[in-house]
C-alpha atoms as a PDB file:
ATOM      1  CA  MET A   1      72.837-235.953 -71.627  1.00  0.00           C
ATOM      2  CA  ALA A   2      76.611-235.732 -72.721  1.00  0.00           C
ATOM      3  CA  LEU A   3      77.207-239.183 -73.730  1.00  0.00           C
ATOM      4  CA  LEU A   4      74.316-238.804 -75.722  1.00  0.00           C
ATOM      5  CA  THR A   5      75.827-235.537 -77.523  1.00  0.00           C
ATOM      6  CA  ALA A   6      79.181-235.900 -78.065  1.00  0.00           C
ATOM      7  CA  PRO A   7      78.870-238.886 -80.176  1.00  0.00           C
ATOM      8  CA  LEU A   8      76.098-237.620 -82.350  1.00  0.00           C
ATOM      9  CA  VAL A   9      78.625-234.339 -83.110  1.00  0.00           C
ATOM     10  CA  PHE A  10      80.982-236.510 -84.810  1.00  0.00           C
ATOM     11  CA  LEU A  11      78.686-239.561 -86.598  1.00  0.00           C
ATOM     12  CA  PHE A  12      75.212-237.599 -87.457  1.00  0.00           C
ATOM     13  CA  PRO A  13      76.469-235.731 -90.269  1.00  0.00           C
ATOM     14  CA  ILE A  14      78.128-239.039 -91.660  1.00  0.00           C
ATOM     15  CA  GLY A  15      74.767-240.879 -90.635  1.00  0.00           C
ATOM     16  CA  MET A  16      72.092-238.590 -91.831  1.00  0.00           C
ATOM     17  CA  PRO A  17      73.594-238.865 -95.683  1.00  0.00           C
ATOM     18  CA  VAL A  18      73.962-242.709 -95.398  1.00  0.00           C
ATOM     19  CA  ALA A  19      70.480-243.573 -94.042  1.00  0.00           C
ATOM     20  CA  THR A  20      68.885-241.345 -96.674  1.00  0.00           C
ATOM     21  CA  LEU A  21      70.730-243.094 -99.541  1.00  0.00           C
ATOM     22  CA  ILE A  22      69.638-246.370 -97.917  1.00  0.00           C
ATOM     23  CA  ALA A  23      65.963-245.792 -97.099  1.00  0.00           C
ATOM     24  CA  VAL A  24      65.687-244.438-100.643  1.00  0.00           C
ATOM     25  CA  LEU A  25      66.900-247.354-102.562  1.00  0.00           C
ATOM     26  CA  LYS A  26      65.148-249.658-100.528  1.00  0.00           C
ATOM     27  CA  VAL A  27      61.871-247.776-101.499  1.00  0.00           C
ATOM     28  CA  SER A  28      63.180-246.853-105.099  1.00  0.00           C
ATOM     29  CA  LEU A  29      64.039-250.634-105.823  1.00  0.00           C
ATOM     30  CA  SER A  30      60.827-252.623-104.553  1.00  0.00           C
ATOM     31  CA  LYS A  31      58.547-254.509-106.732  1.00  0.00           C
ATOM     32  CA  HIS A  32      55.731-252.512-105.655  1.00  0.00           C
ATOM     33  CA  PRO A  33      53.447-250.841-108.346  1.00  0.00           C
ATOM     34  CA  LEU A  34      54.545-246.931-108.829  1.00  0.00           C
ATOM     35  CA  ARG A  35      52.072-245.164-106.796  1.00  0.00           C
ATOM     36  CA  SER A  36      52.685-247.648-103.740  1.00  0.00           C
ATOM     37  CA  ARG A  37      56.194-246.621-104.032  1.00  0.00           C
ATOM     38  CA  LEU A  38      55.423-243.164-104.352  1.00  0.00           C
ATOM     39  CA  LEU A  39      53.328-243.066-100.831  1.00  0.00           C
ATOM     40  CA  ARG A  40      55.638-245.039 -99.458  1.00  0.00           C
ATOM     41  CA  SER A  41      58.667-242.365-100.705  1.00  0.00           C
ATOM     42  CA  LEU A  42      56.441-239.640 -99.415  1.00  0.00           C
ATOM     43  CA  LEU A  43      55.902-241.289 -95.972  1.00  0.00           C
ATOM     44  CA  LEU A  44      59.827-242.083 -95.969  1.00  0.00           C
ATOM     45  CA  ALA A  45      60.947-238.653 -96.731  1.00  0.00           C
ATOM     46  CA  ILE A  46      58.332-237.316 -93.673  1.00  0.00           C
ATOM     47  CA  LEU A  47      59.521-239.578 -91.355  1.00  0.00           C
ATOM     48  CA  LEU A  48      63.374-239.114 -92.163  1.00  0.00           C
ATOM     49  CA  THR A  49      62.700-235.421 -91.895  1.00  0.00           C
ATOM     50  CA  LEU A  50      60.825-235.665 -88.355  1.00  0.00           C
ATOM     51  CA  ALA A  51      63.728-238.192 -86.967  1.00  0.00           C
ATOM     52  CA  LEU A  52      66.765-236.724 -88.659  1.00  0.00           C
ATOM     53  CA  GLY A  53      66.000-233.202 -89.814  1.00  0.00           C
ATOM     54  CA  PRO A  54      69.560-231.074 -89.310  1.00  0.00           C
ATOM     55  CA  ALA A  55      69.869-228.135 -86.801  1.00  0.00           C
ATOM     56  CA  ILE A  56      73.023-225.695 -86.595  1.00  0.00           C
ATOM     57  CA  GLU A  57      74.406-225.639 -82.578  1.00  0.00           C
ATOM     58  CA  GLN A  58      76.950-222.594 -83.222  1.00  0.00           C
ATOM     59  CA  ASN A  59      79.043-221.991 -80.160  1.00  0.00           C
ATOM     60  CA  GLY A  60      82.988-221.576 -79.140  1.00  0.00           C
ATOM     61  CA  ALA A  61      83.749-224.267 -79.772  1.00  0.00           C
ATOM     62  CA  GLY A  62      82.244-224.129 -83.800  1.00  0.00           C
ATOM     63  CA  SER A  63      79.359-225.175 -85.899  1.00  0.00           C
ATOM     64  CA  PHE A  64      77.735-228.875 -85.259  1.00  0.00           C
ATOM     65  CA  ALA A  65      74.973-230.464 -87.001  1.00  0.00           C
ATOM     66  CA  LEU A  66      72.704-232.446 -84.777  1.00  0.00           C
ATOM     67  CA  PRO A  67      69.375-233.401 -84.549  1.00  0.00           C
ATOM     68  CA  TRP A  68      66.639-230.602 -84.233  1.00  0.00           C
ATOM     69  CA  TRP A  69      65.266-232.436 -81.551  1.00  0.00           C
ATOM     70  CA  LEU A  70      68.478-232.718 -79.463  1.00  0.00           C
ATOM     71  CA  LEU A  71      68.999-228.938 -79.483  1.00  0.00           C
ATOM     72  CA  LEU A  72      65.133-228.490 -78.532  1.00  0.00           C
ATOM     73  CA  SER A  73      66.245-229.628 -74.607  1.00  0.00           C
ATOM     74  CA  GLY A  74      68.798-226.662 -74.724  1.00  0.00           C
ATOM     75  CA  SER A  75      71.365-229.378 -73.383  1.00  0.00           C
ATOM     76  CA  PRO A  76      73.918-229.406 -76.015  1.00  0.00           C
ATOM     77  CA  LYS A  77      74.410-225.657 -75.186  1.00  0.00           C
ATOM     78  CA  HIS A  78      76.200-226.906 -72.421  1.00  0.00           C
ATOM     79  CA  TYR A  79      78.350-229.891 -73.284  1.00  0.00           C
ATOM     80  CA  VAL A  80      79.715-228.928 -76.926  1.00  0.00           C
END
């Protein structure tokens, strides 16, 4: 678990906005009709929230933004 947690502490705050921006640009620049783009955008927002939604871990080392699903396991408290 430490091998997963350690890189995410540093890369997650950078990767989350970059992934969101790339996904939004891809959907908005497509040649599909407006209704299709709106539905795709809604689906994309739901999927990004489920996959990359942040949660803040606060401990003696400081505050860290990590994926919410990683904090549910309770494991980062031991490694960060």
